[in-house]
Amino acid sequence: MEWTAVTQHRARLGEGPFWDVPEQALYWVDIAGKQALRLVRDNVQIWQMPEHVSAFIPCTSGDALVTLSSGVYRLDLNSPGLEPRLTLLCMVDPQPGNRPNEARCDALGRLWLGTMQNNIGEQGEDLPIERRSGGLFRVGVDGRVTPLLNGLGIPNTLVWSEDGTALYFADRLDATIYQYSVGADGYLSPPRIWRGPHPRGGPDGSAMDAQGFIWNARLDGSCLLRLAPDGQVDRVIELPVSRPTSCVFGGEDMRTLYITSAASPANHPLDGAVLSIRVDVPGSLCTRFAG
């Protein structure tokens, strides 16, 4: 496979890729570097955040959401990169010492946000995870927050079945991807194990393709797993990075796969890069926040 690094930027902890179809733009973050990034054609824009940022999602209103340690904010995309204009939408997790991690919007444009004990120091260094204090929350267009799950370790992967009745959600501390039924009231059933541990790293972020298969980034596994609808491994996609963190489908035909990654002690040349590759199946669309 022929991999391409889409920019020269190298993140400490790249995460949260989002492909915006109307703009044909790629959004992502460097959590530890406190940066929100957008790539439009060959132009990279970087907004330096005041806090760790785990997701950068455009809104139907024309601005974007950024999930910061202290809450969910709207970012004025016309503001300068070193002086971002931020407006608080809501505070999500009341647990002191937690930070946001995985975040995606469902088909209705509501933000789903997983939180965890903060494991990143002010200089970007790793801190030990000592408690399962994270949760999963849903944020409505009006900023109203609905708690859904608690007691989480490291929330990763937020993808839904095509009809929206099933949620696939991972906890990397368990090395497991769970499946939840989504009720008509928006609440979740008790989970069932959908994909347990695999020797190639732990489950990080994911994307779903048009055939209902999930492409899961394997942190410290240097690969993606393409997982069949029953959770079995369909194929292993080898990567030239040590720590792939997430992926998203994009491009004009939705057949370009973008993969974020993190720095690692191995110091491979592409660690921290955003990679792209052409694949043989299109992926599902990302949904903007509907506010």
C-alpha atoms as a PDB file:
ATOM      1  CA  MET A   1       0.000   0.000   0.000  1.00  0.00           C
ATOM      2  CA  GLU A   2       1.192   3.506  -0.800  1.00  0.00           C
ATOM      3  CA  TRP A   3       0.873   5.815   2.190  1.00  0.00           C
ATOM      4  CA  THR A   4       1.106   9.610   1.987  1.00  0.00           C
ATOM      5  CA  ALA A   5       1.666  12.070   4.827  1.00  0.00           C
ATOM      6  CA  VAL A   6      -0.854  14.778   3.979  1.00  0.00           C
ATOM      7  CA  THR A   7       1.133  17.581   5.674  1.00  0.00           C
ATOM      8  CA  GLN A   8       4.545  18.161   7.223  1.00  0.00           C
ATOM      9  CA  HIS A   9       2.909  18.634  10.632  1.00  0.00           C
ATOM     10  CA  ARG A  10       3.760  16.062  13.296  1.00  0.00           C
ATOM     11  CA  ALA A  11       1.514  15.867  16.357  1.00  0.00           C
ATOM     12  CA  ARG A  12       2.366  14.787  19.861  1.00  0.00           C
ATOM     13  CA  LEU A  13      -1.049  13.129  20.040  1.00  0.00           C
ATOM     14  CA  GLY A  14      -3.011  13.419  16.803  1.00  0.00           C
ATOM     15  CA  GLU A  15      -6.675  12.463  17.161  1.00  0.00           C
ATOM     16  CA  GLY A  16     -10.273  13.031  16.166  1.00  0.00           C
ATOM     17  CA  PRO A  17     -10.168  13.186  12.338  1.00  0.00           C
ATOM     18  CA  PHE A  18     -13.357  14.555  10.755  1.00  0.00           C
ATOM     19  CA  TRP A  19     -14.017  14.859   7.021  1.00  0.00           C
ATOM     20  CA  ASP A  20     -16.374  17.690   6.090  1.00  0.00           C
ATOM     21  CA  VAL A  21     -18.041  16.985   2.736  1.00  0.00           C
ATOM     22  CA  PRO A  22     -19.348  20.523   1.971  1.00  0.00           C
ATOM     23  CA  GLU A  23     -15.889  22.055   2.454  1.00  0.00           C
ATOM     24  CA  GLN A  24     -13.912  19.006   1.301  1.00  0.00           C
ATOM     25  CA  ALA A  25     -11.820  19.685   4.395  1.00  0.00           C
ATOM     26  CA  LEU A  26     -10.104  17.535   7.003  1.00  0.00           C
ATOM     27  CA  TYR A  27     -10.346  18.556  10.669  1.00  0.00           C
ATOM     28  CA  TRP A  28      -8.253  16.995  13.455  1.00  0.00           C
ATOM     29  CA  VAL A  29      -6.478  17.841  16.720  1.00  0.00           C
ATOM     30  CA  ASP A  30      -3.201  17.471  18.536  1.00  0.00           C
ATOM     31  CA  ILE A  31      -4.451  16.831  22.065  1.00  0.00           C
ATOM     32  CA  ALA A  32      -1.108  17.195  23.852  1.00  0.00           C
ATOM     33  CA  GLY A  33      -0.004  20.074  21.600  1.00  0.00           C
ATOM     34  CA  LYS A  34      -3.294  21.942  22.276  1.00  0.00           C
ATOM     35  CA  GLN A  35      -3.908  22.497  18.559  1.00  0.00           C
ATOM     36  CA  ALA A  36      -7.003  22.351  16.336  1.00  0.00           C
ATOM     37  CA  LEU A  37      -6.080  21.851  12.662  1.00  0.00           C
ATOM     38  CA  ARG A  38      -7.933  22.113   9.349  1.00  0.00           C
ATOM     39  CA  LEU A  39      -6.658  21.082   5.921  1.00  0.00           C
ATOM     40  CA  VAL A  40      -8.374  22.534   2.844  1.00  0.00           C
ATOM     41  CA  ARG A  41      -6.620  21.357  -0.321  1.00  0.00           C
ATOM     42  CA  ASP A  42      -2.950  22.117   0.501  1.00  0.00           C
ATOM     43  CA  ASN A  43      -3.626  24.824   3.063  1.00  0.00           C
ATOM     44  CA  VAL A  44      -3.231  23.934   6.744  1.00  0.00           C
ATOM     45  CA  GLN A  45      -4.713  26.229   9.386  1.00  0.00           C
ATOM     46  CA  ILE A  46      -3.806  25.804  13.050  1.00  0.00           C
ATOM     47  CA  TRP A  47      -5.594  27.314  16.037  1.00  0.00           C
ATOM     48  CA  GLN A  48      -3.612  27.202  19.284  1.00  0.00           C
ATOM     49  CA  MET A  49      -5.970  26.318  22.119  1.00  0.00           C
ATOM     50  CA  PRO A  50      -5.560  27.415  25.758  1.00  0.00           C
ATOM     51  CA  GLU A  51      -6.200  23.838  26.966  1.00  0.00           C
ATOM     52  CA  HIS A  52      -5.941  20.277  25.766  1.00  0.00           C
ATOM     53  CA  VAL A  53      -8.380  19.736  22.898  1.00  0.00           C
ATOM     54  CA  SER A  54      -9.744  16.326  21.898  1.00  0.00           C
ATOM     55  CA  ALA A  55     -12.110  17.093  18.989  1.00  0.00           C
ATOM     56  CA  PHE A  56     -12.690  19.751  16.317  1.00  0.00           C
ATOM     57  CA  ILE A  57     -16.074  19.443  14.589  1.00  0.00           C
ATOM     58  CA  PRO A  58     -17.670  21.953  12.194  1.00  0.00           C
ATOM     59  CA  CYS A  59     -21.201  23.198  12.876  1.00  0.00           C
ATOM     60  CA  THR A  60     -24.084  23.823  10.513  1.00  0.00           C
ATOM     61  CA  SER A  61     -24.048  27.460  11.690  1.00  0.00           C
ATOM     62  CA  GLY A  62     -20.598  28.025  10.156  1.00  0.00           C
ATOM     63  CA  ASP A  63     -18.346  27.914  13.201  1.00  0.00           C
ATOM     64  CA  ALA A  64     -16.937  24.777  14.871  1.00  0.00           C
ATOM     65  CA  LEU A  65     -16.966  22.959  18.187  1.00  0.00           C
ATOM     66  CA  VAL A  66     -13.798  22.253  20.134  1.00  0.00           C
ATOM     67  CA  THR A  67     -13.860  19.994  23.187  1.00  0.00           C
ATOM     68  CA  LEU A  68     -11.493  21.469  25.753  1.00  0.00           C
ATOM     69  CA  SER A  69     -10.624  20.380  29.284  1.00  0.00           C
ATOM     70  CA  SER A  70     -13.040  22.900  30.792  1.00  0.00           C
ATOM     71  CA  GLY A  71     -15.966  22.348  28.423  1.00  0.00           C
ATOM     72  CA  VAL A  72     -17.317  22.410  24.892  1.00  0.00           C
ATOM     73  CA  TYR A  73     -16.720  25.693  23.071  1.00  0.00           C
ATOM     74  CA  ARG A  74     -17.629  27.267  19.763  1.00  0.00           C
ATOM     75  CA  LEU A  75     -14.613  28.420  17.762  1.00  0.00           C
ATOM     76  CA  ASP A  76     -14.899  31.312  15.324  1.00  0.00           C
ATOM     77  CA  LEU A  77     -13.119  29.932  12.264  1.00  0.00           C
ATOM     78  CA  ASN A  78     -12.337  33.471  11.119  1.00  0.00           C
ATOM     79  CA  SER A  79     -10.337  34.199  14.259  1.00  0.00           C
ATOM     80  CA  PRO A  80      -6.508  34.219  14.186  1.00  0.00           C
ATOM     81  CA  GLY A  81      -4.679  31.010  14.966  1.00  0.00           C
ATOM     82  CA  LEU A  82      -2.861  32.504  17.947  1.00  0.00           C
ATOM     83  CA  GLU A  83      -5.930  34.370  19.230  1.00  0.00           C
ATOM     84  CA  PRO A  84      -8.855  31.970  18.786  1.00  0.00           C
ATOM     85  CA  ARG A  85     -12.250  33.412  19.654  1.00  0.00           C
ATOM     86  CA  LEU A  86     -14.015  30.885  21.872  1.00  0.00           C
ATOM     87  CA  THR A  87     -17.540  30.932  23.286  1.00  0.00           C
ATOM     88  CA  LEU A  88     -18.608  28.390  25.903  1.00  0.00           C
ATOM     89  CA  LEU A  89     -21.476  26.133  24.760  1.00  0.00           C
ATOM     90  CA  CYS A  90     -21.609  23.948  27.862  1.00  0.00           C
ATOM     91  CA  MET A  91     -19.643  22.281  30.623  1.00  0.00           C
ATOM     92  CA  VAL A  92     -20.001  18.529  30.316  1.00  0.00           C
ATOM     93  CA  ASP A  93     -18.256  16.436  32.965  1.00  0.00           C
ATOM     94  CA  PRO A  94     -18.441  17.714  36.567  1.00  0.00           C
ATOM     95  CA  GLN A  95     -15.765  15.265  37.770  1.00  0.00           C
ATOM     96  CA  PRO A  96     -12.610  17.208  38.800  1.00  0.00           C
ATOM     97  CA  GLY A  97      -9.469  16.024  37.047  1.00  0.00           C
ATOM     98  CA  ASN A  98     -11.258  14.610  33.993  1.00  0.00           C
ATOM     99  CA  ARG A  99     -10.743  15.680  30.388  1.00  0.00           C
ATOM    100  CA  PRO A 100     -12.616  14.986  27.131  1.00  0.00           C
ATOM    101  CA  ASN A 101     -11.399  12.259  24.803  1.00  0.00           C
ATOM    102  CA  GLU A 102     -13.450  10.653  22.013  1.00  0.00           C
ATOM    103  CA  ALA A 103     -16.179  12.798  20.408  1.00  0.00           C
ATOM    104  CA  ARG A 104     -18.437  12.386  17.361  1.00  0.00           C
ATOM    105  CA  CYS A 105     -21.844  13.607  16.211  1.00  0.00           C
ATOM    106  CA  ASP A 106     -24.675  11.186  15.567  1.00  0.00           C
ATOM    107  CA  ALA A 107     -26.966  11.350  12.518  1.00  0.00           C
ATOM    108  CA  LEU A 108     -29.133  13.965  14.263  1.00  0.00           C
ATOM    109  CA  GLY A 109     -26.134  16.245  14.755  1.00  0.00           C
ATOM    110  CA  ARG A 110     -25.908  15.765  18.516  1.00  0.00           C
ATOM    111  CA  LEU A 111     -22.434  15.608  20.064  1.00  0.00           C
ATOM    112  CA  TRP A 112     -21.479  12.434  21.943  1.00  0.00           C
ATOM    113  CA  LEU A 113     -18.444  12.967  24.169  1.00  0.00           C
ATOM    114  CA  GLY A 114     -16.449  10.447  26.187  1.00  0.00           C
ATOM    115  CA  THR A 115     -14.345  11.688  29.108  1.00  0.00           C
ATOM    116  CA  MET A 116     -11.556  10.186  31.188  1.00  0.00           C
ATOM    117  CA  GLN A 117      -9.116  10.950  33.974  1.00  0.00           C
ATOM    118  CA  ASN A 118      -6.634  13.449  32.583  1.00  0.00           C
ATOM    119  CA  ASN A 119      -3.433  11.611  31.626  1.00  0.00           C
ATOM    120  CA  ILE A 120      -1.522  14.482  29.996  1.00  0.00           C
ATOM    121  CA  GLY A 121       0.730  16.895  31.887  1.00  0.00           C
ATOM    122  CA  GLU A 122       1.130  20.576  31.056  1.00  0.00           C
ATOM    123  CA  GLN A 123       4.285  19.819  29.060  1.00  0.00           C
ATOM    124  CA  GLY A 124       2.557  17.018  27.162  1.00  0.00           C
ATOM    125  CA  GLU A 125       4.041  14.267  29.320  1.00  0.00           C
ATOM    126  CA  ASP A 126       2.132  11.076  30.134  1.00  0.00           C
ATOM    127  CA  LEU A 127       0.453  10.830  33.529  1.00  0.00           C
ATOM    128  CA  PRO A 128      -0.686   7.508  35.055  1.00  0.00           C
ATOM    129  CA  ILE A 129      -4.360   6.567  34.912  1.00  0.00           C
ATOM    130  CA  GLU A 130      -5.384   5.644  38.430  1.00  0.00           C
ATOM    131  CA  ARG A 131      -9.183   5.583  38.322  1.00  0.00           C
ATOM    132  CA  ARG A 132     -12.137   4.855  36.066  1.00  0.00           C
ATOM    133  CA  SER A 133     -13.761   8.251  36.446  1.00  0.00           C
ATOM    134  CA  GLY A 134     -14.807   8.841  32.834  1.00  0.00           C
ATOM    135  CA  GLY A 135     -18.268   9.061  31.358  1.00  0.00           C
ATOM    136  CA  LEU A 136     -20.195   9.288  28.113  1.00  0.00           C
ATOM    137  CA  PHE A 137     -22.386  12.337  27.557  1.00  0.00           C
ATOM    138  CA  ARG A 138     -24.664  13.606  24.809  1.00  0.00           C
ATOM    139  CA  VAL A 139     -24.849  17.325  24.046  1.00  0.00           C
ATOM    140  CA  GLY A 140     -27.935  18.660  22.285  1.00  0.00           C
ATOM    141  CA  VAL A 141     -28.137  21.574  19.879  1.00  0.00           C
ATOM    142  CA  ASP A 142     -29.199  23.797  22.784  1.00  0.00           C
ATOM    143  CA  GLY A 143     -26.142  22.775  24.825  1.00  0.00           C
ATOM    144  CA  ARG A 144     -28.166  20.599  27.186  1.00  0.00           C
ATOM    145  CA  VAL A 145     -26.071  17.695  28.513  1.00  0.00           C
ATOM    146  CA  THR A 146     -27.423  14.166  29.023  1.00  0.00           C
ATOM    147  CA  PRO A 147     -25.233  11.680  30.964  1.00  0.00           C
ATOM    148  CA  LEU A 148     -25.294   8.195  29.418  1.00  0.00           C
ATOM    149  CA  LEU A 149     -22.494   6.097  30.970  1.00  0.00           C
ATOM    150  CA  ASN A 150     -20.068   6.340  33.900  1.00  0.00           C
ATOM    151  CA  GLY A 151     -17.102   4.439  35.319  1.00  0.00           C
ATOM    152  CA  LEU A 152     -15.155   4.542  32.047  1.00  0.00           C
ATOM    153  CA  GLY A 153     -11.391   4.177  31.729  1.00  0.00           C
ATOM    154  CA  ILE A 154     -10.259   5.365  28.271  1.00  0.00           C
ATOM    155  CA  PRO A 155     -13.263   5.939  25.975  1.00  0.00           C
ATOM    156  CA  ASN A 156     -12.501   5.410  22.302  1.00  0.00           C
ATOM    157  CA  THR A 157     -14.464   4.682  19.110  1.00  0.00           C
ATOM    158  CA  LEU A 158     -17.891   6.236  18.573  1.00  0.00           C
ATOM    159  CA  VAL A 159     -19.629   4.829  15.507  1.00  0.00           C
ATOM    160  CA  TRP A 160     -23.240   3.949  14.832  1.00  0.00           C
ATOM    161  CA  SER A 161     -24.948   1.406  12.628  1.00  0.00           C
ATOM    162  CA  GLU A 162     -26.549   2.830   9.486  1.00  0.00           C
ATOM    163  CA  ASP A 163     -29.997   2.845  11.065  1.00  0.00           C
ATOM    164  CA  GLY A 164     -28.685   4.410  14.285  1.00  0.00           C
ATOM    165  CA  THR A 165     -29.969   1.642  16.542  1.00  0.00           C
ATOM    166  CA  ALA A 166     -26.537   0.291  17.548  1.00  0.00           C
ATOM    167  CA  LEU A 167     -23.556   2.143  19.012  1.00  0.00           C
ATOM    168  CA  TYR A 168     -20.014   0.736  18.920  1.00  0.00           C
ATOM    169  CA  PHE A 169     -17.953   2.170  21.765  1.00  0.00           C
ATOM    170  CA  ALA A 170     -14.591   1.039  23.130  1.00  0.00           C
ATOM    171  CA  ASP A 171     -12.848   1.257  26.474  1.00  0.00           C
ATOM    172  CA  ARG A 172      -9.136   0.861  25.852  1.00  0.00           C
ATOM    173  CA  LEU A 173      -8.492  -0.108  29.483  1.00  0.00           C
ATOM    174  CA  ASP A 174     -10.602  -3.197  28.754  1.00  0.00           C
ATOM    175  CA  ALA A 175      -9.028  -3.701  25.286  1.00  0.00           C
ATOM    176  CA  THR A 176     -12.619  -4.202  24.146  1.00  0.00           C
ATOM    177  CA  ILE A 177     -15.143  -2.702  21.721  1.00  0.00           C
ATOM    178  CA  TYR A 178     -18.697  -2.918  23.060  1.00  0.00           C
ATOM    179  CA  GLN A 179     -22.013  -2.796  21.238  1.00  0.00           C
ATOM    180  CA  TYR A 180     -24.977  -0.961  22.760  1.00  0.00           C
ATOM    181  CA  SER A 181     -28.553  -0.796  21.540  1.00  0.00           C
ATOM    182  CA  VAL A 182     -29.802   2.791  21.298  1.00  0.00           C
ATOM    183  CA  GLY A 183     -33.365   3.067  22.520  1.00  0.00           C
ATOM    184  CA  ALA A 184     -36.076   5.262  21.053  1.00  0.00           C
ATOM    185  CA  ASP A 185     -35.517   7.586  24.042  1.00  0.00           C
ATOM    186  CA  GLY A 186     -31.811   7.898  23.156  1.00  0.00           C
ATOM    187  CA  TYR A 187     -30.559   5.927  26.143  1.00  0.00           C
ATOM    188  CA  LEU A 188     -28.320   2.861  25.926  1.00  0.00           C
ATOM    189  CA  SER A 189     -28.915  -0.797  26.759  1.00  0.00           C
ATOM    190  CA  PRO A 190     -26.391  -2.769  28.818  1.00  0.00           C
ATOM    191  CA  PRO A 191     -23.351  -3.502  26.620  1.00  0.00           C
ATOM    192  CA  ARG A 192     -22.306  -6.733  25.010  1.00  0.00           C
ATOM    193  CA  ILE A 193     -18.737  -7.544  24.016  1.00  0.00           C
ATOM    194  CA  TRP A 194     -18.466  -7.078  20.258  1.00  0.00           C
ATOM    195  CA  ARG A 195     -14.675  -7.347  19.798  1.00  0.00           C
ATOM    196  CA  GLY A 196     -12.424  -8.456  22.625  1.00  0.00           C
ATOM    197  CA  PRO A 197      -8.640  -8.102  22.975  1.00  0.00           C
ATOM    198  CA  HIS A 198      -6.386  -8.602  19.959  1.00  0.00           C
ATOM    199  CA  PRO A 199      -2.599  -9.040  20.046  1.00  0.00           C
ATOM    200  CA  ARG A 200      -2.046  -6.033  17.757  1.00  0.00           C
ATOM    201  CA  GLY A 201      -2.427  -3.136  20.195  1.00  0.00           C
ATOM    202  CA  GLY A 202      -5.430  -1.619  21.940  1.00  0.00           C
ATOM    203  CA  PRO A 203      -8.609  -0.265  20.335  1.00  0.00           C
ATOM    204  CA  ASP A 204      -8.508   3.459  19.593  1.00  0.00           C
ATOM    205  CA  GLY A 205     -10.659   5.477  17.175  1.00  0.00           C
ATOM    206  CA  SER A 206     -12.690   3.952  14.335  1.00  0.00           C
ATOM    207  CA  ALA A 207     -14.601   4.646  11.140  1.00  0.00           C
ATOM    208  CA  MET A 208     -17.366   2.643   9.461  1.00  0.00           C
ATOM    209  CA  ASP A 209     -17.441   1.832   5.751  1.00  0.00           C
ATOM    210  CA  ALA A 210     -20.441   1.520   3.449  1.00  0.00           C
ATOM    211  CA  GLN A 211     -20.540  -2.263   3.939  1.00  0.00           C
ATOM    212  CA  GLY A 212     -20.947  -1.963   7.715  1.00  0.00           C
ATOM    213  CA  PHE A 213     -17.342  -2.957   8.507  1.00  0.00           C
ATOM    214  CA  ILE A 214     -15.455  -0.995  11.183  1.00  0.00           C
ATOM    215  CA  TRP A 215     -11.869   0.142  10.606  1.00  0.00           C
ATOM    216  CA  ASN A 216     -10.236   0.364  14.032  1.00  0.00           C
ATOM    217  CA  ALA A 217      -6.888   2.042  14.778  1.00  0.00           C
ATOM    218  CA  ARG A 218      -4.712  -0.086  17.060  1.00  0.00           C
ATOM    219  CA  LEU A 219      -2.617   2.055  19.398  1.00  0.00           C
ATOM    220  CA  ASP A 220       0.898   0.575  19.755  1.00  0.00           C
ATOM    221  CA  GLY A 221      -0.091  -2.028  17.146  1.00  0.00           C
ATOM    222  CA  SER A 222       1.105  -0.211  13.984  1.00  0.00           C
ATOM    223  CA  CYS A 223      -2.040  -1.259  12.130  1.00  0.00           C
ATOM    224  CA  LEU A 224      -5.747  -0.946  11.513  1.00  0.00           C
ATOM    225  CA  LEU A 225      -8.138  -3.855  11.893  1.00  0.00           C
ATOM    226  CA  ARG A 226     -11.062  -4.062   9.489  1.00  0.00           C
ATOM    227  CA  LEU A 227     -13.744  -5.738  11.565  1.00  0.00           C
ATOM    228  CA  ALA A 228     -16.750  -7.529  10.092  1.00  0.00           C
ATOM    229  CA  PRO A 229     -20.280  -6.831  11.397  1.00  0.00           C
ATOM    230  CA  ASP A 230     -19.914  -9.817  13.750  1.00  0.00           C
ATOM    231  CA  GLY A 231     -16.683  -8.410  15.227  1.00  0.00           C
ATOM    232  CA  GLN A 232     -14.351 -10.864  13.512  1.00  0.00           C
ATOM    233  CA  VAL A 233     -11.132  -9.610  11.893  1.00  0.00           C
ATOM    234  CA  ASP A 234     -11.586  -9.294   8.144  1.00  0.00           C
ATOM    235  CA  ARG A 235      -8.103  -7.958   7.453  1.00  0.00           C
ATOM    236  CA  VAL A 236      -5.090  -6.302   9.066  1.00  0.00           C
ATOM    237  CA  ILE A 237      -3.825  -3.108   7.404  1.00  0.00           C
ATOM    238  CA  GLU A 238      -0.181  -2.523   8.249  1.00  0.00           C
ATOM    239  CA  LEU A 239       0.858   1.089   8.941  1.00  0.00           C
ATOM    240  CA  PRO A 240       4.214   2.911   8.887  1.00  0.00           C
ATOM    241  CA  VAL A 241       3.542   4.498  12.303  1.00  0.00           C
ATOM    242  CA  SER A 242       3.870   3.089  15.808  1.00  0.00           C
ATOM    243  CA  ARG A 243       0.736   4.584  17.341  1.00  0.00           C
ATOM    244  CA  PRO A 244      -2.210   5.066  14.993  1.00  0.00           C
ATOM    245  CA  THR A 245      -4.987   6.754  16.936  1.00  0.00           C
ATOM    246  CA  SER A 246      -8.049   7.097  14.698  1.00  0.00           C
ATOM    247  CA  CYS A 247      -9.269   7.172  11.106  1.00  0.00           C
ATOM    248  CA  VAL A 248     -11.940   8.683   8.870  1.00  0.00           C
ATOM    249  CA  PHE A 249     -13.090   8.273   5.281  1.00  0.00           C
ATOM    250  CA  GLY A 250     -12.969  11.293   2.986  1.00  0.00           C
ATOM    251  CA  GLY A 251     -12.161  12.633  -0.446  1.00  0.00           C
ATOM    252  CA  GLU A 252     -14.612  13.369  -3.252  1.00  0.00           C
ATOM    253  CA  ASP A 253     -15.658   9.715  -3.513  1.00  0.00           C
ATOM    254  CA  MET A 254     -15.193   8.864   0.204  1.00  0.00           C
ATOM    255  CA  ARG A 255     -12.555   6.260  -0.712  1.00  0.00           C
ATOM    256  CA  THR A 256      -9.587   8.044   0.849  1.00  0.00           C
ATOM    257  CA  LEU A 257      -8.814   6.855   4.359  1.00  0.00           C
ATOM    258  CA  TYR A 258      -7.127   9.373   6.681  1.00  0.00           C
ATOM    259  CA  ILE A 259      -5.304   8.102   9.780  1.00  0.00           C
ATOM    260  CA  THR A 260      -4.077  10.198  12.698  1.00  0.00           C
ATOM    261  CA  SER A 261      -1.147   9.086  14.821  1.00  0.00           C
ATOM    262  CA  ALA A 262       0.890   9.959  17.901  1.00  0.00           C
ATOM    263  CA  ALA A 263       4.561  10.387  18.680  1.00  0.00           C
ATOM    264  CA  SER A 264       6.301   7.379  20.186  1.00  0.00           C
ATOM    265  CA  PRO A 265       9.630   6.427  21.790  1.00  0.00           C
ATOM    266  CA  ALA A 266      10.490   4.598  18.562  1.00  0.00           C
ATOM    267  CA  ASN A 267      10.723   7.958  16.760  1.00  0.00           C
ATOM    268  CA  HIS A 268       9.645   6.556  13.415  1.00  0.00           C
ATOM    269  CA  PRO A 269       9.756   9.319  10.767  1.00  0.00           C
ATOM    270  CA  LEU A 270       5.984   9.337  10.257  1.00  0.00           C
ATOM    271  CA  ASP A 271       4.933   9.060  13.914  1.00  0.00           C
ATOM    272  CA  GLY A 272       2.556  11.936  14.612  1.00  0.00           C
ATOM    273  CA  ALA A 273       1.646  12.409  10.935  1.00  0.00           C
ATOM    274  CA  VAL A 274      -1.761  12.260   9.302  1.00  0.00           C
ATOM    275  CA  LEU A 275      -1.572   9.538   6.659  1.00  0.00           C
ATOM    276  CA  SER A 276      -3.828   8.912   3.667  1.00  0.00           C
ATOM    277  CA  ILE A 277      -4.392   5.927   1.428  1.00  0.00           C
ATOM    278  CA  ARG A 278      -6.868   4.979  -1.277  1.00  0.00           C
ATOM    279  CA  VAL A 279      -9.114   2.053  -0.319  1.00  0.00           C
ATOM    280  CA  ASP A 280     -11.522  -0.216  -2.195  1.00  0.00           C
ATOM    281  CA  VAL A 281     -14.750   0.703  -0.390  1.00  0.00           C
ATOM    282  CA  PRO A 282     -16.300   4.097   0.446  1.00  0.00           C
ATOM    283  CA  GLY A 283     -16.920   5.133   4.010  1.00  0.00           C
ATOM    284  CA  SER A 284     -19.814   6.630   5.911  1.00  0.00           C
ATOM    285  CA  LEU A 285     -20.181  10.412   6.134  1.00  0.00           C
ATOM    286  CA  CYS A 286     -19.337  12.511   9.163  1.00  0.00           C
ATOM    287  CA  THR A 287     -22.149  14.659  10.554  1.00  0.00           C
ATOM    288  CA  ARG A 288     -21.699  18.283  11.555  1.00  0.00           C
ATOM    289  CA  PHE A 289     -22.983  19.530  14.899  1.00  0.00           C
ATOM    290  CA  ALA A 290     -26.530  20.686  14.165  1.00  0.00           C
ATOM    291  CA  GLY A 291     -26.265  24.070  15.848  1.00  0.00           C
END
